[in-house]
Amino acid sequence: LIDVHPSISFELSEKLRLDIDNDIFWRYTHND
């Protein structure tokens, strides 16, 4: 696997959090 994973999170309040992330996947080699 090759994985590139940017993310961002927000503390909307002391008890509430929002997480957003985007994973982009490739096979490391096409022979597996």
All heavy atoms as atom14 arrays in JSON, in Angstrom:
{
  "sequence": "LIDVHPSISFELSEKLRLDIDNDIFWRYTHND",
  "atom14_mask": [
    [1, 1, 1, 1, 1, 1, 1, 1, 0, 0, 0, 0, 0, 0],
    [1, 1, 1, 1, 1, 1, 1, 1, 0, 0, 0, 0, 0, 0],
    [1, 1, 1, 1, 1, 1, 1, 1, 0, 0, 0, 0, 0, 0],
    [1, 1, 1, 1, 1, 1, 1, 0, 0, 0, 0, 0, 0, 0],
    [1, 1, 1, 1, 1, 1, 1, 1, 1, 1, 0, 0, 0, 0],
    [1, 1, 1, 1, 1, 1, 1, 0, 0, 0, 0, 0, 0, 0],
    [1, 1, 1, 1, 1, 1, 0, 0, 0, 0, 0, 0, 0, 0],
    [1, 1, 1, 1, 1, 1, 1, 1, 0, 0, 0, 0, 0, 0],
    [1, 1, 1, 1, 1, 1, 0, 0, 0, 0, 0, 0, 0, 0],
    [1, 1, 1, 1, 1, 1, 1, 1, 1, 1, 1, 0, 0, 0],
    [1, 1, 1, 1, 1, 1, 1, 1, 1, 0, 0, 0, 0, 0],
    [1, 1, 1, 1, 1, 1, 1, 1, 0, 0, 0, 0, 0, 0],
    [1, 1, 1, 1, 1, 1, 0, 0, 0, 0, 0, 0, 0, 0],
    [1, 1, 1, 1, 1, 1, 1, 1, 1, 0, 0, 0, 0, 0],
    [1, 1, 1, 1, 1, 1, 1, 1, 1, 0, 0, 0, 0, 0],
    [1, 1, 1, 1, 1, 1, 1, 1, 0, 0, 0, 0, 0, 0],
    [1, 1, 1, 1, 1, 1, 1, 1, 1, 1, 1, 0, 0, 0],
    [1, 1, 1, 1, 1, 1, 1, 1, 0, 0, 0, 0, 0, 0],
    [1, 1, 1, 1, 1, 1, 1, 1, 0, 0, 0, 0, 0, 0],
    [1, 1, 1, 1, 1, 1, 1, 1, 0, 0, 0, 0, 0, 0],
    [1, 1, 1, 1, 1, 1, 1, 1, 0, 0, 0, 0, 0, 0],
    [1, 1, 1, 1, 1, 1, 1, 1, 0, 0, 0, 0, 0, 0],
    [1, 1, 1, 1, 1, 1, 1, 1, 0, 0, 0, 0, 0, 0],
    [1, 1, 1, 1, 1, 1, 1, 1, 0, 0, 0, 0, 0, 0],
    [1, 1, 1, 1, 1, 1, 1, 1, 1, 1, 1, 0, 0, 0],
    [1, 1, 1, 1, 1, 1, 1, 1, 1, 1, 1, 1, 1, 1],
    [1, 1, 1, 1, 1, 1, 1, 1, 1, 1, 1, 0, 0, 0],
    [1, 1, 1, 1, 1, 1, 1, 1, 1, 1, 1, 1, 0, 0],
    [1, 1, 1, 1, 1, 1, 1, 0, 0, 0, 0, 0, 0, 0],
    [1, 1, 1, 1, 1, 1, 1, 1, 1, 1, 0, 0, 0, 0],
    [1, 1, 1, 1, 1, 1, 1, 1, 0, 0, 0, 0, 0, 0],
    [1, 1, 1, 1, 1, 1, 1, 1, 0, 0, 0, 0, 0, 0]
  ],
  "atom14_positions": [
    [[0.82, -1.21, 0.0], [0.0, 0.0, 0.0], [0.85, 1.26, 0.0], [1.91, 1.32, 0.62], [-0.88, -0.01, 1.26], [-2.15, 0.83, 1.25], [-3.15, 0.3, 0.23], [-2.78, 0.82, 2.64], [0.0, 0.0, 0.0], [0.0, 0.0, 0.0], [0.0, 0.0, 0.0], [0.0, 0.0, 0.0], [0.0, 0.0, 0.0], [0.0, 0.0, 0.0]],
    [[0.35, 2.26, -0.73], [0.82, 3.64, -0.6], [-0.39, 4.45, -0.15], [-1.46, 4.37, -0.78], [1.38, 4.19, -1.92], [2.58, 3.37, -2.39], [1.77, 5.66, -1.77], [3.11, 3.79, -3.75], [0.0, 0.0, 0.0], [0.0, 0.0, 0.0], [0.0, 0.0, 0.0], [0.0, 0.0, 0.0], [0.0, 0.0, 0.0], [0.0, 0.0, 0.0]],
    [[-0.23, 5.2, 0.91], [-1.35, 5.92, 1.51], [-0.94, 7.36, 1.78], [0.08, 7.61, 2.43], [-1.77, 5.22, 2.81], [-2.72, 6.06, 3.65], [-3.64, 6.65, 3.06], [-2.52, 6.13, 4.87], [0.0, 0.0, 0.0], [0.0, 0.0, 0.0], [0.0, 0.0, 0.0], [0.0, 0.0, 0.0], [0.0, 0.0, 0.0], [0.0, 0.0, 0.0]],
    [[-1.74, 8.29, 1.29], [-1.57, 9.72, 1.61], [-2.85, 10.18, 2.29], [-3.95, 10.0, 1.75], [-1.29, 10.56, 0.35], [-1.16, 12.03, 0.72], [-0.03, 10.07, -0.35], [0.0, 0.0, 0.0], [0.0, 0.0, 0.0], [0.0, 0.0, 0.0], [0.0, 0.0, 0.0], [0.0, 0.0, 0.0], [0.0, 0.0, 0.0], [0.0, 0.0, 0.0]],
    [[-2.7, 10.77, 3.48], [-3.85, 10.95, 4.36], [-3.85, 12.34, 5.0], [-3.38, 12.52, 6.12], [-3.79, 9.84, 5.43], [-4.92, 9.84, 6.39], [-5.02, 8.96, 7.43], [-6.03, 10.63, 6.5], [-6.11, 9.19, 8.13], [-6.74, 10.2, 7.58], [0.0, 0.0, 0.0], [0.0, 0.0, 0.0], [0.0, 0.0, 0.0], [0.0, 0.0, 0.0]],
    [[-4.38, 13.37, 4.32], [-4.56, 14.67, 4.96], [-5.81, 14.68, 5.83], [-6.77, 13.95, 5.56], [-4.71, 15.63, 3.77], [-5.28, 14.78, 2.68], [-4.73, 13.39, 2.88], [0.0, 0.0, 0.0], [0.0, 0.0, 0.0], [0.0, 0.0, 0.0], [0.0, 0.0, 0.0], [0.0, 0.0, 0.0], [0.0, 0.0, 0.0], [0.0, 0.0, 0.0]],
    [[-5.78, 15.49, 6.89], [-6.92, 15.54, 7.8], [-7.02, 16.91, 8.45], [-6.07, 17.69, 8.46], [-6.78, 14.47, 8.9], [-5.65, 14.74, 9.7], [0.0, 0.0, 0.0], [0.0, 0.0, 0.0], [0.0, 0.0, 0.0], [0.0, 0.0, 0.0], [0.0, 0.0, 0.0], [0.0, 0.0, 0.0], [0.0, 0.0, 0.0], [0.0, 0.0, 0.0]],
    [[-8.21, 17.2, 8.99], [-8.43, 18.42, 9.75], [-9.49, 18.13, 10.8], [-10.42, 17.36, 10.56], [-8.86, 19.6, 8.85], [-8.92, 20.89, 9.66], [-10.19, 19.31, 8.14], [-9.09, 22.14, 8.81], [0.0, 0.0, 0.0], [0.0, 0.0, 0.0], [0.0, 0.0, 0.0], [0.0, 0.0, 0.0], [0.0, 0.0, 0.0], [0.0, 0.0, 0.0]],
    [[-9.32, 18.71, 11.98], [-10.31, 18.54, 13.04], [-10.6, 19.9, 13.67], [-9.74, 20.8, 13.67], [-9.82, 17.55, 14.1], [-8.68, 18.04, 14.76], [0.0, 0.0, 0.0], [0.0, 0.0, 0.0], [0.0, 0.0, 0.0], [0.0, 0.0, 0.0], [0.0, 0.0, 0.0], [0.0, 0.0, 0.0], [0.0, 0.0, 0.0], [0.0, 0.0, 0.0]],
    [[-11.82, 20.04, 14.2], [-12.25, 21.29, 14.82], [-12.83, 20.99, 16.2], [-13.6, 20.04, 16.37], [-13.32, 21.98, 13.97], [-12.89, 22.32, 12.58], [-13.14, 21.45, 11.53], [-12.23, 23.51, 12.31], [-12.75, 21.76, 10.24], [-11.84, 23.83, 11.03], [-12.09, 22.96, 9.99], [0.0, 0.0, 0.0], [0.0, 0.0, 0.0], [0.0, 0.0, 0.0]],
    [[-12.47, 21.81, 17.16], [-13.07, 21.73, 18.49], [-14.24, 22.7, 18.53], [-14.1, 23.87, 18.85], [-12.03, 22.07, 19.55], [-12.48, 21.79, 20.97], [-11.41, 22.07, 22.0], [-10.32, 21.45, 21.9], [-11.64, 22.92, 22.88], [0.0, 0.0, 0.0], [0.0, 0.0, 0.0], [0.0, 0.0, 0.0], [0.0, 0.0, 0.0], [0.0, 0.0, 0.0]],
    [[-15.43, 22.19, 18.16], [-16.61, 23.05, 18.06], [-17.04, 23.58, 19.42], [-17.61, 24.67, 19.52], [-17.75, 22.27, 17.4], [-17.44, 21.69, 16.01], [-18.66, 20.96, 15.46], [-16.98, 22.78, 15.05], [0.0, 0.0, 0.0], [0.0, 0.0, 0.0], [0.0, 0.0, 0.0], [0.0, 0.0, 0.0], [0.0, 0.0, 0.0], [0.0, 0.0, 0.0]],
    [[-16.81, 22.79, 20.45], [-17.03, 23.23, 21.82], [-16.13, 22.39, 22.71], [-15.37, 21.53, 22.22], [-18.5, 23.07, 22.23], [-18.83, 21.7, 22.37], [0.0, 0.0, 0.0], [0.0, 0.0, 0.0], [0.0, 0.0, 0.0], [0.0, 0.0, 0.0], [0.0, 0.0, 0.0], [0.0, 0.0, 0.0], [0.0, 0.0, 0.0], [0.0, 0.0, 0.0]],
    [[-16.21, 22.6, 24.0], [-15.36, 21.86, 24.92], [-15.62, 20.35, 24.83], [-14.73, 19.54, 25.07], [-15.59, 22.35, 26.35], [-14.68, 21.71, 27.38], [-14.96, 22.21, 28.79], [-15.75, 23.15, 28.93], [-14.38, 21.64, 29.74], [0.0, 0.0, 0.0], [0.0, 0.0, 0.0], [0.0, 0.0, 0.0], [0.0, 0.0, 0.0], [0.0, 0.0, 0.0]],
    [[-16.84, 19.97, 24.44], [-17.22, 18.56, 24.44], [-17.55, 18.01, 23.06], [-17.88, 16.83, 22.93], [-18.43, 18.36, 25.36], [-18.17, 18.78, 26.8], [-19.4, 18.65, 27.67], [-19.12, 19.09, 29.1], [-20.31, 18.99, 29.98], [0.0, 0.0, 0.0], [0.0, 0.0, 0.0], [0.0, 0.0, 0.0], [0.0, 0.0, 0.0], [0.0, 0.0, 0.0]],
    [[-17.46, 18.85, 22.04], [-17.86, 18.43, 20.69], [-16.73, 18.65, 19.7], [-16.18, 19.77, 19.61], [-19.1, 19.21, 20.25], [-19.74, 18.81, 18.92], [-20.29, 17.39, 18.98], [-20.85, 19.8, 18.55], [0.0, 0.0, 0.0], [0.0, 0.0, 0.0], [0.0, 0.0, 0.0], [0.0, 0.0, 0.0], [0.0, 0.0, 0.0], [0.0, 0.0, 0.0]],
    [[-16.35, 17.6, 18.95], [-15.26, 17.69, 17.98], [-15.7, 17.14, 16.64], [-16.45, 16.16, 16.55], [-14.05, 16.91, 18.49], [-12.79, 17.15, 17.67], [-11.57, 16.43, 18.2], [-11.5, 15.06, 17.71], [-11.61, 13.99, 18.47], [-11.83, 14.12, 19.78], [-11.5, 12.78, 17.96], [0.0, 0.0, 0.0], [0.0, 0.0, 0.0], [0.0, 0.0, 0.0]],
    [[-15.2, 17.76, 15.57], [-15.47, 17.31, 14.21], [-14.16, 16.93, 13.54], [-13.22, 17.73, 13.49], [-16.15, 18.42, 13.4], [-16.38, 18.13, 11.9], [-17.33, 16.96, 11.7], [-16.89, 19.39, 11.19], [0.0, 0.0, 0.0], [0.0, 0.0, 0.0], [0.0, 0.0, 0.0], [0.0, 0.0, 0.0], [0.0, 0.0, 0.0], [0.0, 0.0, 0.0]],
    [[-14.08, 15.7, 13.04], [-12.9, 15.21, 12.33], [-13.25, 14.97, 10.87], [-14.29, 14.36, 10.56], [-12.4, 13.9, 12.94], [-11.9, 14.06, 14.36], [-11.55, 15.18, 14.73], [-11.88, 13.04, 15.09], [0.0, 0.0, 0.0], [0.0, 0.0, 0.0], [0.0, 0.0, 0.0], [0.0, 0.0, 0.0], [0.0, 0.0, 0.0], [0.0, 0.0, 0.0]],
    [[-12.38, 15.42, 9.96], [-12.56, 15.18, 8.53], [-11.22, 14.72, 7.97], [-10.19, 15.35, 8.22], [-13.02, 16.45, 7.78], [-14.35, 16.97, 8.37], [-13.17, 16.17, 6.3], [-14.77, 18.31, 7.8], [0.0, 0.0, 0.0], [0.0, 0.0, 0.0], [0.0, 0.0, 0.0], [0.0, 0.0, 0.0], [0.0, 0.0, 0.0], [0.0, 0.0, 0.0]],
    [[-11.22, 13.62, 7.24], [-9.96, 13.18, 6.63], [-10.23, 12.52, 5.29], [-11.33, 12.04, 5.01], [-9.2, 12.23, 7.56], [-10.01, 11.01, 7.94], [-10.1, 10.08, 7.12], [-10.53, 10.98, 9.07], [0.0, 0.0, 0.0], [0.0, 0.0, 0.0], [0.0, 0.0, 0.0], [0.0, 0.0, 0.0], [0.0, 0.0, 0.0], [0.0, 0.0, 0.0]],
    [[-9.21, 12.51, 4.48], [-9.3, 11.94, 3.14], [-8.1, 11.03, 2.91], [-6.96, 11.49, 2.95], [-9.33, 13.04, 2.08], [-9.47, 12.49, 0.67], [-10.19, 11.52, 0.47], [-8.79, 13.09, -0.28], [0.0, 0.0, 0.0], [0.0, 0.0, 0.0], [0.0, 0.0, 0.0], [0.0, 0.0, 0.0], [0.0, 0.0, 0.0], [0.0, 0.0, 0.0]],
    [[-8.36, 9.73, 2.71], [-7.31, 8.76, 2.43], [-7.26, 8.48, 0.94], [-8.3, 8.21, 0.32], [-7.58, 7.44, 3.17], [-6.9, 7.4, 4.53], [-5.72, 7.74, 4.59], [-7.57, 7.04, 5.51], [0.0, 0.0, 0.0], [0.0, 0.0, 0.0], [0.0, 0.0, 0.0], [0.0, 0.0, 0.0], [0.0, 0.0, 0.0], [0.0, 0.0, 0.0]],
    [[-6.05, 8.52, 0.38], [-5.86, 8.18, -1.03], [-4.96, 6.94, -1.08], [-3.86, 6.95, -0.52], [-5.21, 9.35, -1.8], [-5.99, 10.65, -1.53], [-5.19, 9.05, -3.3], [-5.29, 11.88, -2.03], [0.0, 0.0, 0.0], [0.0, 0.0, 0.0], [0.0, 0.0, 0.0], [0.0, 0.0, 0.0], [0.0, 0.0, 0.0], [0.0, 0.0, 0.0]],
    [[-5.45, 5.87, -1.72], [-4.77, 4.58, -1.69], [-4.32, 4.14, -3.09], [-5.09, 4.25, -4.05], [-5.69, 3.49, -1.14], [-6.21, 3.74, 0.25], [-7.53, 4.1, 0.45], [-5.38, 3.6, 1.35], [-8.03, 4.31, 1.73], [-5.86, 3.81, 2.63], [-7.19, 4.17, 2.82], [0.0, 0.0, 0.0], [0.0, 0.0, 0.0], [0.0, 0.0, 0.0]],
    [[-3.1, 3.61, -3.13], [-2.6, 2.9, -4.3], [-1.98, 1.58, -3.85], [-1.51, 1.47, -2.71], [-1.5, 3.7, -5.02], [-1.89, 5.01, -5.58], [-2.3, 5.29, -6.86], [-1.87, 6.29, -4.9], [-2.54, 6.63, -7.01], [-2.3, 7.27, -5.82], [-1.56, 6.67, -3.6], [-2.39, 8.6, -5.49], [-1.67, 8.0, -3.25], [-2.08, 8.95, -4.19]],
    [[-1.95, 0.6, -4.72], [-1.12, -0.58, -4.46], [0.34, -0.19, -4.63], [0.7, 0.51, -5.59], [-1.47, -1.72, -5.42], [-2.78, -2.4, -5.16], [-2.92, -3.65, -6.01], [-2.9, -3.37, -7.43], [-2.62, -4.25, -8.4], [-2.31, -5.5, -8.07], [-2.65, -3.91, -9.67], [0.0, 0.0, 0.0], [0.0, 0.0, 0.0], [0.0, 0.0, 0.0]],
    [[1.2, -0.68, -3.74], [2.62, -0.39, -3.85], [3.21, -1.01, -5.11], [4.01, -0.39, -5.8], [3.36, -0.88, -2.6], [4.85, -0.71, -2.67], [5.43, 0.52, -2.43], [5.68, -1.79, -2.98], [6.8, 0.69, -2.5], [7.05, -1.64, -3.05], [7.61, -0.4, -2.81], [8.97, -0.24, -2.9], [0.0, 0.0, 0.0], [0.0, 0.0, 0.0]],
    [[2.82, -2.25, -5.4], [3.25, -2.9, -6.63], [2.05, -3.61, -7.27], [1.2, -4.16, -6.56], [4.38, -3.92, -6.37], [4.62, -4.68, -7.55], [4.01, -4.88, -5.26], [0.0, 0.0, 0.0], [0.0, 0.0, 0.0], [0.0, 0.0, 0.0], [0.0, 0.0, 0.0], [0.0, 0.0, 0.0], [0.0, 0.0, 0.0], [0.0, 0.0, 0.0]],
    [[2.0, -3.6, -8.59], [0.86, -4.21, -9.28], [0.95, -5.74, -9.32], [0.0, -6.4, -9.74], [0.74, -3.66, -10.71], [1.87, -4.05, -11.61], [2.97, -3.24, -11.81], [2.07, -5.15, -12.36], [3.79, -3.83, -12.65], [3.27, -5.0, -13.01], [0.0, 0.0, 0.0], [0.0, 0.0, 0.0], [0.0, 0.0, 0.0], [0.0, 0.0, 0.0]],
    [[2.07, -6.3, -8.85], [2.21, -7.76, -8.83], [1.73, -8.4, -7.52], [1.9, -9.6, -7.32], [3.67, -8.15, -9.08], [4.07, -7.96, -10.52], [3.29, -8.25, -11.43], [5.27, -7.46, -10.75], [0.0, 0.0, 0.0], [0.0, 0.0, 0.0], [0.0, 0.0, 0.0], [0.0, 0.0, 0.0], [0.0, 0.0, 0.0], [0.0, 0.0, 0.0]],
    [[1.16, -7.6, -6.64], [0.6, -8.12, -5.39], [-0.84, -7.63, -5.27], [-1.26, -6.67, -5.95], [1.43, -7.64, -4.19], [1.28, -8.56, -2.97], [0.34, -9.38, -2.96], [2.1, -8.43, -2.05], [0.0, 0.0, 0.0], [0.0, 0.0, 0.0], [0.0, 0.0, 0.0], [0.0, 0.0, 0.0], [0.0, 0.0, 0.0], [0.0, 0.0, 0.0]]
  ]
}
